[in-house]
C-alpha atoms as a PDB file:
ATOM      1  CA  MET A   1      48.028 232.438  84.864  1.00  0.00           C
ATOM      2  CA  LYS A   2      45.017 233.039  86.369  1.00  0.00           C
ATOM      3  CA  THR A   3      43.371 229.764  84.822  1.00  0.00           C
ATOM      4  CA  ARG A   4      45.798 228.104  87.324  1.00  0.00           C
ATOM      5  CA  THR A   5      44.632 230.323  90.137  1.00  0.00           C
ATOM      6  CA  LEU A   6      41.426 229.896  89.797  1.00  0.00           C
ATOM      7  CA  SER A   7      41.295 226.026  89.294  1.00  0.00           C
ATOM      8  CA  LEU A   8      43.189 225.753  92.683  1.00  0.00           C
ATOM      9  CA  LEU A   9      40.640 227.767  94.972  1.00  0.00           C
ATOM     10  CA  PRO A  10      37.875 225.061  95.011  1.00  0.00           C
ATOM     11  CA  LEU A  11      40.813 222.752  95.539  1.00  0.00           C
ATOM     12  CA  ALA A  12      42.187 224.684  98.753  1.00  0.00           C
ATOM     13  CA  ALA A  13      38.356 225.317 100.079  1.00  0.00           C
ATOM     14  CA  VAL A  14      37.847 221.707 100.147  1.00  0.00           C
ATOM     15  CA  THR A  15      41.039 220.913 101.682  1.00  0.00           C
ATOM     16  CA  ALA A  16      40.343 223.464 104.460  1.00  0.00           C
ATOM     17  CA  ALA A  17      36.688 222.003 104.847  1.00  0.00           C
ATOM     18  CA  GLY A  18      38.331 218.354 104.952  1.00  0.00           C
ATOM     19  CA  LEU A  19      41.121 219.138 107.424  1.00  0.00           C
ATOM     20  CA  LEU A  20      38.336 220.946 109.715  1.00  0.00           C
ATOM     21  CA  ILE A  21      35.902 217.751 109.403  1.00  0.00           C
ATOM     22  CA  GLY A  22      37.904 215.123 109.575  1.00  0.00           C
ATOM     23  CA  GLY A  23      40.315 216.370 112.264  1.00  0.00           C
ATOM     24  CA  ALA A  24      37.200 217.119 114.328  1.00  0.00           C
ATOM     25  CA  TYR A  25      36.148 213.215 113.314  1.00  0.00           C
ATOM     26  CA  ALA A  26      39.731 211.689 114.146  1.00  0.00           C
ATOM     27  CA  ALA A  27      39.409 213.543 117.843  1.00  0.00           C
ATOM     28  CA  TYR A  28      36.340 211.604 118.013  1.00  0.00           C
ATOM     29  CA  ALA A  29      36.911 208.306 116.510  1.00  0.00           C
ATOM     30  CA  ALA A  30      34.621 205.607 118.135  1.00  0.00           C
ATOM     31  CA  SER A  31      38.102 203.311 118.289  1.00  0.00           C
ATOM     32  CA  ALA A  32      41.309 202.332 117.240  1.00  0.00           C
ATOM     33  CA  GLU A  33      39.941 200.437 114.543  1.00  0.00           C
ATOM     34  CA  ASP A  34      38.041 203.212 113.154  1.00  0.00           C
ATOM     35  CA  ALA A  35      41.301 205.369 112.605  1.00  0.00           C
ATOM     36  CA  VAL A  36      42.949 202.429 110.846  1.00  0.00           C
ATOM     37  CA  ASP A  37      40.027 201.758 108.108  1.00  0.00           C
ATOM     38  CA  TYR A  38      39.971 205.983 107.548  1.00  0.00           C
ATOM     39  CA  ARG A  39      43.769 205.748 107.312  1.00  0.00           C
ATOM     40  CA  GLN A  40      43.538 202.618 105.083  1.00  0.00           C
ATOM     41  CA  GLY A  41      40.726 204.226 102.947  1.00  0.00           C
ATOM     42  CA  VAL A  42      42.956 207.102 102.216  1.00  0.00           C
ATOM     43  CA  PHE A  43      45.826 205.582 101.221  1.00  0.00           C
ATOM     44  CA  GLN A  44      43.623 203.078  99.075  1.00  0.00           C
ATOM     45  CA  ALA A  45      42.504 206.267  97.682  1.00  0.00           C
ATOM     46  CA  LEU A  46      46.197 207.754  97.102  1.00  0.00           C
ATOM     47  CA  LYS A  47      47.042 204.353  95.092  1.00  0.00           C
ATOM     48  CA  TRP A  48      43.819 204.573  93.213  1.00  0.00           C
ATOM     49  CA  ASN A  49      45.077 207.874  92.164  1.00  0.00           C
ATOM     50  CA  ILE A  50      48.760 207.978  91.494  1.00  0.00           C
ATOM     51  CA  GLY A  51      48.436 204.507  89.742  1.00  0.00           C
ATOM     52  CA  PRO A  52      47.197 206.425  86.639  1.00  0.00           C
ATOM     53  CA  LEU A  53      49.600 208.976  86.783  1.00  0.00           C
ATOM     54  CA  ALA A  54      52.553 206.670  87.088  1.00  0.00           C
ATOM     55  CA  ALA A  55      51.443 204.766  84.094  1.00  0.00           C
ATOM     56  CA  MET A  56      51.502 207.656  81.736  1.00  0.00           C
ATOM     57  CA  ALA A  57      54.610 209.305  83.385  1.00  0.00           C
ATOM     58  CA  LYS A  58      56.094 205.714  82.368  1.00  0.00           C
ATOM     59  CA  GLY A  59      54.233 206.011  78.889  1.00  0.00           C
ATOM     60  CA  GLU A  60      52.667 202.577  79.863  1.00  0.00           C
ATOM     61  CA  ALA A  61      49.402 204.935  79.315  1.00  0.00           C
ATOM     62  CA  GLU A  62      48.756 207.723  77.100  1.00  0.00           C
ATOM     63  CA  PHE A  63      49.219 211.267  78.380  1.00  0.00           C
ATOM     64  CA  ASP A  64      45.463 212.890  79.323  1.00  0.00           C
ATOM     65  CA  ALA A  65      45.771 216.088  80.394  1.00  0.00           C
ATOM     66  CA  ALA A  66      42.579 216.559  81.943  1.00  0.00           C
ATOM     67  CA  GLU A  67      42.816 212.980  83.474  1.00  0.00           C
ATOM     68  CA  ALA A  68      46.033 214.141  85.103  1.00  0.00           C
ATOM     69  CA  GLU A  69      44.606 217.387  86.399  1.00  0.00           C
ATOM     70  CA  MET A  70      41.628 215.337  87.993  1.00  0.00           C
ATOM     71  CA  ARG A  71      43.731 212.845  89.532  1.00  0.00           C
ATOM     72  CA  ALA A  72      46.548 215.817  90.741  1.00  0.00           C
ATOM     73  CA  GLY A  73      44.316 217.678  92.556  1.00  0.00           C
ATOM     74  CA  ARG A  74      42.617 214.408  94.413  1.00  0.00           C
ATOM     75  CA  ILE A  75      46.330 213.338  95.203  1.00  0.00           C
ATOM     76  CA  ALA A  76      46.544 216.678  96.657  1.00  0.00           C
ATOM     77  CA  LEU A  77      43.795 216.619  98.986  1.00  0.00           C
ATOM     78  CA  LEU A  78      44.088 213.052  99.953  1.00  0.00           C
ATOM     79  CA  ALA A  79      47.495 213.787 101.145  1.00  0.00           C
ATOM     80  CA  THR A  80      46.659 216.511 103.791  1.00  0.00           C
ATOM     81  CA  TRP A  81      43.947 213.557 105.641  1.00  0.00           C
ATOM     82  CA  ILE A  82      47.003 211.159 106.402  1.00  0.00           C
ATOM     83  CA  VAL A  83      48.396 212.213 109.392  1.00  0.00           C
ATOM     84  CA  GLU A  84      44.909 212.489 111.243  1.00  0.00           C
ATOM     85  CA  GLY A  85      44.928 208.852 110.715  1.00  0.00           C
ATOM     86  CA  PHE A  86      47.158 208.189 113.384  1.00  0.00           C
ATOM     87  CA  PRO A  87      45.606 209.613 116.132  1.00  0.00           C
ATOM     88  CA  GLU A  88      46.958 208.250 119.742  1.00  0.00           C
ATOM     89  CA  GLY A  89      45.933 204.669 120.512  1.00  0.00           C
ATOM     90  CA  SER A  90      45.341 204.199 116.849  1.00  0.00           C
ATOM     91  CA  ASP A  91      48.508 201.861 117.358  1.00  0.00           C
ATOM     92  CA  MET A  92      47.048 199.000 119.458  1.00  0.00           C
ATOM     93  CA  VAL A  93      45.591 197.400 116.362  1.00  0.00           C
ATOM     94  CA  ALA A  94      46.924 194.108 115.266  1.00  0.00           C
ATOM     95  CA  GLU A  95      46.110 194.424 111.663  1.00  0.00           C
ATOM     96  CA  THR A  96      48.027 197.512 110.261  1.00  0.00           C
ATOM     97  CA  ASP A  97      51.598 197.773 108.572  1.00  0.00           C
ATOM     98  CA  ALA A  98      51.632 201.282 110.659  1.00  0.00           C
ATOM     99  CA  LEU A  99      55.243 200.347 112.867  1.00  0.00           C
ATOM    100  CA  PRO A 100      55.210 201.875 116.584  1.00  0.00           C
ATOM    101  CA  GLU A 101      57.929 204.496 115.634  1.00  0.00           C
ATOM    102  CA  ILE A 102      55.085 206.659 113.838  1.00  0.00           C
ATOM    103  CA  TRP A 103      54.017 207.335 117.812  1.00  0.00           C
ATOM    104  CA  GLU A 104      57.197 207.521 118.648  1.00  0.00           C
ATOM    105  CA  ASN A 105      58.157 210.478 116.504  1.00  0.00           C
ATOM    106  CA  THR A 106      54.862 211.910 115.829  1.00  0.00           C
ATOM    107  CA  GLY A 107      57.051 215.419 114.686  1.00  0.00           C
ATOM    108  CA  ASP A 108      59.040 212.990 111.625  1.00  0.00           C
ATOM    109  CA  PHE A 109      56.105 211.256 110.484  1.00  0.00           C
ATOM    110  CA  ALA A 110      54.500 214.790 110.116  1.00  0.00           C
ATOM    111  CA  ASP A 111      57.382 216.427 108.775  1.00  0.00           C
ATOM    112  CA  LYS A 112      57.230 213.318 106.252  1.00  0.00           C
ATOM    113  CA  ALA A 113      53.923 213.808 105.637  1.00  0.00           C
ATOM    114  CA  GLY A 114      54.264 217.361 105.140  1.00  0.00           C
ATOM    115  CA  ASP A 115      56.764 216.355 102.153  1.00  0.00           C
ATOM    116  CA  LEU A 116      53.874 214.450 100.819  1.00  0.00           C
ATOM    117  CA  ASN A 117      51.435 217.378 101.215  1.00  0.00           C
ATOM    118  CA  ALA A 118      54.095 219.671  99.311  1.00  0.00           C
ATOM    119  CA  ALA A 119      54.975 217.201  96.568  1.00  0.00           C
ATOM    120  CA  ALA A 120      51.089 216.883  95.787  1.00  0.00           C
ATOM    121  CA  ALA A 121      50.340 220.601  96.248  1.00  0.00           C
ATOM    122  CA  GLN A 122      53.513 220.964  93.794  1.00  0.00           C
ATOM    123  CA  LEU A 123      51.965 218.588  91.348  1.00  0.00           C
ATOM    124  CA  ALA A 124      48.074 219.836  90.973  1.00  0.00           C
ATOM    125  CA  GLU A 125      49.497 223.347  90.543  1.00  0.00           C
ATOM    126  CA  ALA A 126      51.676 222.129  87.432  1.00  0.00           C
ATOM    127  CA  ALA A 127      48.709 219.713  86.279  1.00  0.00           C
ATOM    128  CA  PRO A 128      46.312 222.511  84.636  1.00  0.00           C
ATOM    129  CA  SER A 129      49.557 223.698  82.306  1.00  0.00           C
ATOM    130  CA  LEU A 130      51.448 220.178  81.715  1.00  0.00           C
ATOM    131  CA  ASP A 131      51.480 219.360  77.613  1.00  0.00           C
ATOM    132  CA  ASP A 132      52.992 215.925  78.113  1.00  0.00           C
ATOM    133  CA  ALA A 133      53.725 212.735  80.108  1.00  0.00           C
ATOM    134  CA  SER A 134      57.719 214.125  79.723  1.00  0.00           C
ATOM    135  CA  GLU A 135      56.515 217.304  82.106  1.00  0.00           C
ATOM    136  CA  LEU A 136      54.454 214.700  84.518  1.00  0.00           C
ATOM    137  CA  GLY A 137      57.116 212.295  84.978  1.00  0.00           C
ATOM    138  CA  PRO A 138      59.695 214.140  87.585  1.00  0.00           C
ATOM    139  CA  LEU A 139      56.293 215.594  89.955  1.00  0.00           C
ATOM    140  CA  VAL A 140      54.755 212.215  90.196  1.00  0.00           C
ATOM    141  CA  GLY A 141      58.639 210.936  90.987  1.00  0.00           C
ATOM    142  CA  GLN A 142      58.492 213.374  93.583  1.00  0.00           C
ATOM    143  CA  ILE A 143      55.692 212.226  94.867  1.00  0.00           C
ATOM    144  CA  GLY A 144      56.901 208.435  94.934  1.00  0.00           C
ATOM    145  CA  GLN A 145      59.746 209.591  96.594  1.00  0.00           C
ATOM    146  CA  ALA A 146      57.973 211.081  99.380  1.00  0.00           C
ATOM    147  CA  CYS A 147      55.896 207.643  99.865  1.00  0.00           C
ATOM    148  CA  LYS A 148      59.060 205.736  99.961  1.00  0.00           C
ATOM    149  CA  ALA A 149      60.757 208.267 102.637  1.00  0.00           C
ATOM    150  CA  CYS A 150      57.758 207.497 104.852  1.00  0.00           C
ATOM    151  CA  HIS A 151      57.359 203.640 104.346  1.00  0.00           C
ATOM    152  CA  ASP A 152      61.108 203.137 104.588  1.00  0.00           C
ATOM    153  CA  GLU A 153      60.907 204.461 107.910  1.00  0.00           C
ATOM    154  CA  TYR A 154      57.160 203.850 109.610  1.00  0.00           C
ATOM    155  CA  ARG A 155      55.645 201.020 107.547  1.00  0.00           C
ATOM    156  CA  ALA A 156      56.152 197.274 107.703  1.00  0.00           C
ATOM    157  CA  GLU A 157      57.017 195.259 104.557  1.00  0.00           C
END
């Protein structure tokens, strides 16, 4: 138990710092295009880290506990950065899959992002003690469900 708690302390510190710094940047973003670039980068980084975990969970890649833990920590951090990438006015950019409903239903959008944050935190907390892909699968599934819930309502196909 001590190992798990200690391993999450750096993640919590980095998350807090990221929220403070990132939130300040979002408030002063130079343009709506900057916000779009930011959020697309966050989503690309999420995809980069979720993909290998999904492959492990499906048995398409060999389970690697250290890699699973590393990627889970990254996902937990990145998930906290999503909402700040959708500041008011960033819906005016034509080249984006974000639907206008995000800015019409900001509370629900934030709740759905919060669901992803919770699933990602659960994965990061469990990752240090995972022994095989069968334990990873349900946790990755929760991440996928949280992503899908938001995409279904707030992302153009």
